C-alpha atoms as a PDB file:
ATOM      1  CA  MET A   1       6.814 -14.502  23.359  1.00  0.00           C
ATOM      2  CA  ASP A   2       4.198 -12.551  22.180  1.00  0.00           C
ATOM      3  CA  LYS A   3       1.440 -12.254  25.224  1.00  0.00           C
ATOM      4  CA  HIS A   4      -1.409 -12.312  22.770  1.00  0.00           C
ATOM      5  CA  THR A   5      -0.069 -15.987  21.403  1.00  0.00           C
ATOM      6  CA  ASN A   6      -3.949 -17.240  21.741  1.00  0.00           C
ATOM      7  CA  LYS A   7      -4.987 -14.912  19.169  1.00  0.00           C
ATOM      8  CA  LEU A   8      -4.923 -14.429  15.452  1.00  0.00           C
ATOM      9  CA  VAL A   9      -2.698 -11.451  13.975  1.00  0.00           C
ATOM     10  CA  LEU A  10      -4.412 -10.219  10.743  1.00  0.00           C
ATOM     11  CA  ALA A  11      -1.803  -8.431   8.830  1.00  0.00           C
ATOM     12  CA  SER A  12      -4.227  -6.332   7.077  1.00  0.00           C
ATOM     13  CA  GLY A  13      -6.671  -3.151   8.050  1.00  0.00           C
ATOM     14  CA  SER A  14      -9.299  -4.461   6.142  1.00  0.00           C
ATOM     15  CA  GLN A  15     -12.870  -4.827   7.737  1.00  0.00           C
ATOM     16  CA  ILE A  16     -14.700  -7.296   5.761  1.00  0.00           C
ATOM     17  CA  ARG A  17     -11.563  -9.827   6.375  1.00  0.00           C
ATOM     18  CA  GLN A  18     -11.882  -8.710  10.050  1.00  0.00           C
ATOM     19  CA  ARG A  19     -15.546  -9.028  10.285  1.00  0.00           C
ATOM     20  CA  LEU A  20     -15.159 -12.565   8.127  1.00  0.00           C
ATOM     21  CA  LEU A  21     -12.501 -14.104  11.070  1.00  0.00           C
ATOM     22  CA  LYS A  22     -14.676 -12.688  13.963  1.00  0.00           C
ATOM     23  CA  ASP A  23     -17.676 -14.257  12.637  1.00  0.00           C
ATOM     24  CA  ALA A  24     -16.237 -17.316  12.092  1.00  0.00           C
ATOM     25  CA  GLY A  25     -15.584 -17.070  15.943  1.00  0.00           C
ATOM     26  CA  PHE A  26     -11.756 -16.060  16.018  1.00  0.00           C
ATOM     27  CA  SER A  27      -9.968 -13.801  18.603  1.00  0.00           C
ATOM     28  CA  ILE A  28      -7.479 -11.590  16.509  1.00  0.00           C
ATOM     29  CA  ILE A  29      -5.311  -8.473  16.339  1.00  0.00           C
ATOM     30  CA  ILE A  30      -5.941  -6.262  13.618  1.00  0.00           C
ATOM     31  CA  ASP A  31      -2.040  -4.932  12.892  1.00  0.00           C
ATOM     32  CA  PRO A  32      -1.800  -3.874   9.208  1.00  0.00           C
ATOM     33  CA  ALA A  33       1.275  -4.314   7.197  1.00  0.00           C
ATOM     34  CA  ASN A  34       2.952  -1.962   5.051  1.00  0.00           C
ATOM     35  CA  ILE A  35       4.979  -3.316   2.042  1.00  0.00           C
ATOM     36  CA  ASP A  36       5.385  -1.492  -0.953  1.00  0.00           C
ATOM     37  CA  GLU A  37       3.077  -4.064  -2.954  1.00  0.00           C
ATOM     38  CA  ARG A  38       3.920  -1.968  -6.580  1.00  0.00           C
ATOM     39  CA  LYS A  39       7.632  -2.957  -6.304  1.00  0.00           C
ATOM     40  CA  ILE A  40       6.647  -6.414  -5.810  1.00  0.00           C
ATOM     41  CA  GLU A  41       4.401  -6.549  -8.797  1.00  0.00           C
ATOM     42  CA  ALA A  42       6.767  -4.960 -10.811  1.00  0.00           C
ATOM     43  CA  ASP A  43       8.741  -8.366 -10.931  1.00  0.00           C
ATOM     44  CA  ILE A  44       5.888 -10.807 -11.092  1.00  0.00           C
ATOM     45  CA  HIS A  45       3.475 -11.220 -13.898  1.00  0.00           C
ATOM     46  CA  ASP A  46       1.462 -14.662 -13.258  1.00  0.00           C
ATOM     47  CA  PRO A  47      -1.325 -13.454 -10.930  1.00  0.00           C
ATOM     48  CA  ARG A  48      -1.478 -16.355  -8.658  1.00  0.00           C
ATOM     49  CA  VAL A  49       2.222 -16.114  -7.720  1.00  0.00           C
ATOM     50  CA  LEU A  50       1.598 -12.259  -7.111  1.00  0.00           C
ATOM     51  CA  ALA A  51      -1.265 -12.865  -4.460  1.00  0.00           C
ATOM     52  CA  SER A  52       0.845 -15.621  -2.792  1.00  0.00           C
ATOM     53  CA  ARG A  53       4.072 -13.744  -2.611  1.00  0.00           C
ATOM     54  CA  LEU A  54       2.179 -10.550  -1.255  1.00  0.00           C
ATOM     55  CA  ALA A  55       0.130 -12.480   1.453  1.00  0.00           C
ATOM     56  CA  VAL A  56       3.723 -14.069   2.696  1.00  0.00           C
ATOM     57  CA  GLU A  57       4.969 -10.448   2.506  1.00  0.00           C
ATOM     58  CA  LYS A  58       2.289  -9.108   4.629  1.00  0.00           C
ATOM     59  CA  ALA A  59       2.294 -11.668   7.508  1.00  0.00           C
ATOM     60  CA  SER A  60       5.982 -11.679   7.379  1.00  0.00           C
ATOM     61  CA  SER A  61       6.747  -8.332   8.061  1.00  0.00           C
ATOM     62  CA  VAL A  62       4.051  -8.334  10.833  1.00  0.00           C
ATOM     63  CA  SER A  63       5.706 -11.527  12.220  1.00  0.00           C
ATOM     64  CA  ALA A  64       8.538  -9.690  12.740  1.00  0.00           C
ATOM     65  CA  ARG A  65       7.349  -7.530  15.716  1.00  0.00           C
ATOM     66  CA  ARG A  66       5.209 -10.568  16.765  1.00  0.00           C
ATOM     67  CA  PRO A  67       7.318 -13.215  18.087  1.00  0.00           C
ATOM     68  CA  GLY A  68       5.715 -16.266  18.671  1.00  0.00           C
ATOM     69  CA  ALA A  69       2.161 -15.372  17.371  1.00  0.00           C
ATOM     70  CA  LEU A  70       0.349 -16.992  14.028  1.00  0.00           C
ATOM     71  CA  VAL A  71       0.396 -14.235  11.807  1.00  0.00           C
ATOM     72  CA  LEU A  72      -1.881 -13.975   8.602  1.00  0.00           C
ATOM     73  CA  GLY A  73      -1.679 -11.863   5.509  1.00  0.00           C
ATOM     74  CA  SER A  74      -4.069 -11.934   2.818  1.00  0.00           C
ATOM     75  CA  ASP A  75      -3.817  -9.875  -0.475  1.00  0.00           C
ATOM     76  CA  GLN A  76      -6.076 -10.280  -3.717  1.00  0.00           C
ATOM     77  CA  VAL A  77      -5.129  -9.853  -7.074  1.00  0.00           C
ATOM     78  CA  PHE A  78      -7.800  -8.406  -9.816  1.00  0.00           C
ATOM     79  CA  THR A  79      -7.105  -9.358 -13.560  1.00  0.00           C
ATOM     80  CA  LEU A  80      -9.432  -8.461 -16.282  1.00  0.00           C
ATOM     81  CA  ASN A  81      -8.412 -10.412 -20.111  1.00  0.00           C
ATOM     82  CA  GLY A  82      -4.887 -11.230 -17.982  1.00  0.00           C
ATOM     83  CA  GLN A  83      -3.935  -7.833 -16.790  1.00  0.00           C
ATOM     84  CA  PHE A  84      -3.487  -6.530 -13.404  1.00  0.00           C
ATOM     85  CA  ALA A  85      -5.838  -4.054 -12.099  1.00  0.00           C
ATOM     86  CA  HIS A  86      -5.733  -1.502  -9.150  1.00  0.00           C
ATOM     87  CA  LYS A  87      -8.420  -0.172  -7.156  1.00  0.00           C
ATOM     88  CA  PRO A  88      -9.520   2.767  -7.989  1.00  0.00           C
ATOM     89  CA  LYS A  89      -8.733   6.212  -6.269  1.00  0.00           C
ATOM     90  CA  ASN A  90     -11.167   8.352  -7.491  1.00  0.00           C
ATOM     91  CA  HIS A  91     -14.937   8.694  -9.163  1.00  0.00           C
ATOM     92  CA  GLU A  92     -13.422   9.077 -12.571  1.00  0.00           C
ATOM     93  CA  ASP A  93     -11.346   5.801 -12.010  1.00  0.00           C
ATOM     94  CA  LEU A  94     -14.279   3.787 -10.459  1.00  0.00           C
ATOM     95  CA  LEU A  95     -17.165   4.870 -13.484  1.00  0.00           C
ATOM     96  CA  GLU A  96     -13.947   3.492 -16.382  1.00  0.00           C
ATOM     97  CA  LYS A  97     -13.403   0.761 -14.046  1.00  0.00           C
ATOM     98  CA  LEU A  98     -16.913  -0.246 -14.063  1.00  0.00           C
ATOM     99  CA  LEU A  99     -17.417   0.453 -17.771  1.00  0.00           C
ATOM    100  CA  SER A 100     -14.959  -2.177 -18.706  1.00  0.00           C
ATOM    101  CA  LEU A 101     -16.379  -4.698 -16.624  1.00  0.00           C
ATOM    102  CA  SER A 102     -19.861  -4.404 -18.400  1.00  0.00           C
ATOM    103  CA  GLY A 103     -21.180  -8.025 -19.590  1.00  0.00           C
ATOM    104  CA  ARG A 104     -18.084  -9.323 -18.927  1.00  0.00           C
ATOM    105  CA  THR A 105     -15.977 -11.707 -16.965  1.00  0.00           C
ATOM    106  CA  HIS A 106     -12.856 -10.962 -14.580  1.00  0.00           C
ATOM    107  CA  SER A 107     -11.034 -12.661 -12.248  1.00  0.00           C
ATOM    108  CA  PHE A 108      -9.525 -12.266  -8.231  1.00  0.00           C
ATOM    109  CA  HIS A 109      -7.012 -14.252  -7.429  1.00  0.00           C
ATOM    110  CA  CYS A 110      -6.521 -13.978  -3.720  1.00  0.00           C
ATOM    111  CA  GLY A 111      -3.492 -15.391  -1.352  1.00  0.00           C
ATOM    112  CA  TYR A 112      -3.442 -16.270   2.340  1.00  0.00           C
ATOM    113  CA  ALA A 113      -0.191 -17.341   4.266  1.00  0.00           C
ATOM    114  CA  PHE A 114       0.457 -18.635   8.093  1.00  0.00           C
ATOM    115  CA  VAL A 115       3.684 -17.028   9.000  1.00  0.00           C
ATOM    116  CA  ARG A 116       5.028 -17.493  12.975  1.00  0.00           C
ATOM    117  CA  ASP A 117       8.538 -16.278  14.094  1.00  0.00           C
ATOM    118  CA  GLY A 118       9.407 -15.618  10.928  1.00  0.00           C
ATOM    119  CA  VAL A 119       8.548 -18.901   9.032  1.00  0.00           C
ATOM    120  CA  THR A 120       6.173 -19.724   6.028  1.00  0.00           C
ATOM    121  CA  LEU A 121       4.138 -21.897   7.616  1.00  0.00           C
ATOM    122  CA  HIS A 122       1.451 -22.264   4.861  1.00  0.00           C
ATOM    123  CA  VAL A 123       0.760 -20.601   1.890  1.00  0.00           C
ATOM    124  CA  GLY A 124      -2.873 -20.941  -0.604  1.00  0.00           C
ATOM    125  CA  VAL A 125      -4.344 -19.064  -3.245  1.00  0.00           C
ATOM    126  CA  ASP A 126      -8.302 -19.016  -4.377  1.00  0.00           C
ATOM    127  CA  GLN A 127      -9.469 -18.070  -7.824  1.00  0.00           C
ATOM    128  CA  VAL A 128     -12.966 -17.252  -8.438  1.00  0.00           C
ATOM    129  CA  GLN A 129     -14.543 -15.423 -11.476  1.00  0.00           C
ATOM    130  CA  VAL A 130     -17.144 -13.195 -11.482  1.00  0.00           C
ATOM    131  CA  THR A 131     -19.378 -11.943 -14.688  1.00  0.00           C
ATOM    132  CA  PHE A 132     -21.358  -8.911 -14.636  1.00  0.00           C
ATOM    133  CA  TYR A 133     -24.412  -8.405 -16.164  1.00  0.00           C
ATOM    134  CA  ASP A 134     -24.899  -5.966 -19.178  1.00  0.00           C
ATOM    135  CA  LEU A 135     -25.313  -2.511 -17.663  1.00  0.00           C
ATOM    136  CA  SER A 136     -26.881   0.538 -19.013  1.00  0.00           C
ATOM    137  CA  THR A 137     -24.556   3.711 -18.417  1.00  0.00           C
ATOM    138  CA  ASP A 138     -27.008   5.345 -15.968  1.00  0.00           C
ATOM    139  CA  GLU A 139     -27.036   2.029 -13.848  1.00  0.00           C
ATOM    140  CA  ILE A 140     -23.269   2.484 -13.591  1.00  0.00           C
ATOM    141  CA  GLU A 141     -23.166   5.795 -13.094  1.00  0.00           C
ATOM    142  CA  ASP A 142     -25.529   5.328 -10.432  1.00  0.00           C
ATOM    143  CA  TYR A 143     -23.892   2.787  -8.405  1.00  0.00           C
ATOM    144  CA  ALA A 144     -19.776   4.717  -9.142  1.00  0.00           C
ATOM    145  CA  ALA A 145     -22.127   8.263  -7.424  1.00  0.00           C
ATOM    146  CA  THR A 146     -21.742   5.983  -4.532  1.00  0.00           C
ATOM    147  CA  LEU A 147     -18.059   5.858  -4.141  1.00  0.00           C
ATOM    148  CA  GLU A 148     -18.836   2.370  -2.424  1.00  0.00           C
ATOM    149  CA  GLY A 149     -16.368   1.044  -4.535  1.00  0.00           C
ATOM    150  CA  ILE A 150     -13.224   3.239  -4.239  1.00  0.00           C
ATOM    151  CA  GLY A 151     -10.493   1.289  -2.405  1.00  0.00           C
ATOM    152  CA  CYS A 152     -11.929  -2.183  -3.809  1.00  0.00           C
ATOM    153  CA  ALA A 153      -9.920  -4.549  -6.262  1.00  0.00           C
ATOM    154  CA  GLY A 154     -12.643  -4.860  -8.582  1.00  0.00           C
ATOM    155  CA  GLY A 155     -14.594  -1.366  -8.151  1.00  0.00           C
ATOM    156  CA  TYR A 156     -17.061  -2.597  -6.398  1.00  0.00           C
ATOM    157  CA  ARG A 157     -18.638  -4.102  -2.900  1.00  0.00           C
ATOM    158  CA  PHE A 158     -19.915  -7.646  -3.373  1.00  0.00           C
ATOM    159  CA  GLU A 159     -20.911  -7.416   0.207  1.00  0.00           C
ATOM    160  CA  GLU A 160     -22.974  -4.514   0.034  1.00  0.00           C
ATOM    161  CA  GLY A 161     -24.662  -2.680  -3.329  1.00  0.00           C
ATOM    162  CA  GLY A 162     -22.177  -4.237  -5.887  1.00  0.00           C
ATOM    163  CA  VAL A 163     -23.960  -7.275  -5.953  1.00  0.00           C
ATOM    164  CA  ARG A 164     -26.629  -5.804  -8.184  1.00  0.00           C
ATOM    165  CA  LEU A 165     -24.373  -5.403 -10.846  1.00  0.00           C
ATOM    166  CA  ILE A 166     -23.083  -9.273 -11.071  1.00  0.00           C
ATOM    167  CA  ARG A 167     -24.763 -11.923 -12.791  1.00  0.00           C
ATOM    168  CA  ASP A 168     -22.777 -14.830 -11.835  1.00  0.00           C
ATOM    169  CA  VAL A 169     -20.004 -16.137  -9.843  1.00  0.00           C
ATOM    170  CA  ALA A 170     -17.999 -18.725 -10.568  1.00  0.00           C
ATOM    171  CA  GLY A 171     -15.882 -19.973  -7.199  1.00  0.00           C
ATOM    172  CA  SER A 172     -16.334 -19.175  -3.456  1.00  0.00           C
ATOM    173  CA  HIS A 173     -17.912 -15.906  -2.382  1.00  0.00           C
ATOM    174  CA  PHE A 174     -15.604 -15.627   0.205  1.00  0.00           C
ATOM    175  CA  THR A 175     -12.267 -14.969  -2.240  1.00  0.00           C
ATOM    176  CA  VAL A 176     -14.462 -11.938  -3.826  1.00  0.00           C
ATOM    177  CA  LEU A 177     -14.769 -10.806  -0.423  1.00  0.00           C
ATOM    178  CA  GLY A 178     -11.093 -10.681   0.046  1.00  0.00           C
ATOM    179  CA  LEU A 179     -10.203 -13.706   2.241  1.00  0.00           C
ATOM    180  CA  PRO A 180     -10.500 -17.610   1.140  1.00  0.00           C
ATOM    181  CA  MET A 181     -11.776 -18.755   4.745  1.00  0.00           C
ATOM    182  CA  LEU A 182     -12.909 -22.161   3.534  1.00  0.00           C
ATOM    183  CA  GLY A 183      -9.010 -22.780   2.719  1.00  0.00           C
ATOM    184  CA  VAL A 184      -8.547 -20.625   6.265  1.00  0.00           C
ATOM    185  CA  VAL A 185     -10.090 -22.981   8.046  1.00  0.00           C
ATOM    186  CA  ALA A 186      -8.871 -26.164   6.853  1.00  0.00           C
ATOM    187  CA  TRP A 187      -5.467 -25.592   7.432  1.00  0.00           C
ATOM    188  CA  LEU A 188      -6.636 -23.981  10.449  1.00  0.00           C
ATOM    189  CA  ARG A 189      -7.673 -27.604  11.396  1.00  0.00           C
ATOM    190  CA  GLU A 190      -5.323 -29.864   9.955  1.00  0.00           C
ATOM    191  CA  SER A 191      -2.574 -27.520  11.671  1.00  0.00           C
ATOM    192  CA  GLY A 192      -4.170 -27.878  14.975  1.00  0.00           C
ATOM    193  CA  GLU A 193      -4.174 -24.481  15.910  1.00  0.00           C
ATOM    194  CA  LEU A 194      -7.795 -23.754  15.786  1.00  0.00           C
ATOM    195  CA  GLU A 195      -8.551 -24.388  19.126  1.00  0.00           C
ATOM    196  CA  GLY A 196      -6.079 -22.284  20.230  1.00  0.00           C
ATOM    197  CA  ILE A 197      -7.436 -19.006  18.450  1.00  0.00           C
ATOM    198  CA  LEU A 198     -11.383 -18.866  19.423  1.00  0.00           C
ATOM    199  CA  THR A 199     -12.726 -16.487  21.108  1.00  0.00           C
ATOM    200  CA  LYS A 200     -13.895 -17.756  24.515  1.00  0.00           C
ATOM    201  CA  LYS A 201     -17.368 -17.368  25.556  1.00  0.00           C
ATOM    202  CA  THR A 202     -18.396 -16.783  29.062  1.00  0.00           C
ATOM    203  CA  GLY A 203     -22.413 -18.013  29.965  1.00  0.00           C
ATOM    204  CA  GLY A 204     -24.238 -16.818  27.586  1.00  0.00           C
ATOM    205  CA  ASP A 205     -22.257 -13.719  25.520  1.00  0.00           C
ATOM    206  CA  GLY A 206     -19.656 -13.940  23.649  1.00  0.00           C
ATOM    207  CA  VAL A 207     -15.982 -11.772  24.839  1.00  0.00           C
END
């Protein structure tokens, strides 16, 4: 048995996912999964199916090396006009993506999965739609120059300067950030797993 079974294992290196879970009071271990996302994507054309599949694959791969532990996997799929789009890797790619989003609505499908000992306990997917303002080229170039959105599904960080670009969000802001916390917490409560992974406190200080 994993000696850390009182902790939730997050199969992701995402800083924002870590922060969301810690801010919610969960005791977590970070153990990023390493899977071939592009290979999985090649066979799937439905963003909800892809998001859930990626989440399960991530959690399952980490569960194999974490016997007894509750593992959470999550992944976010970005679509514009029903087409998948990947994370920008450089400034030119980032600028092109942001220009394509000006004045338009795009979607995020965010999947999450709980796995223990290779058994998938629960899978969920949440969707949110984000609409950008009609942005000037200068405004887009100024934001792109910060490189803040490199490595982000939509090319921007909602929790940072990217919020200036957004006119409307239809759905949970947690899903934009990359982890549907309401669904995660709901399953943890319903399954009886919640109390076991809460951060223990001694005196007035958190541990």
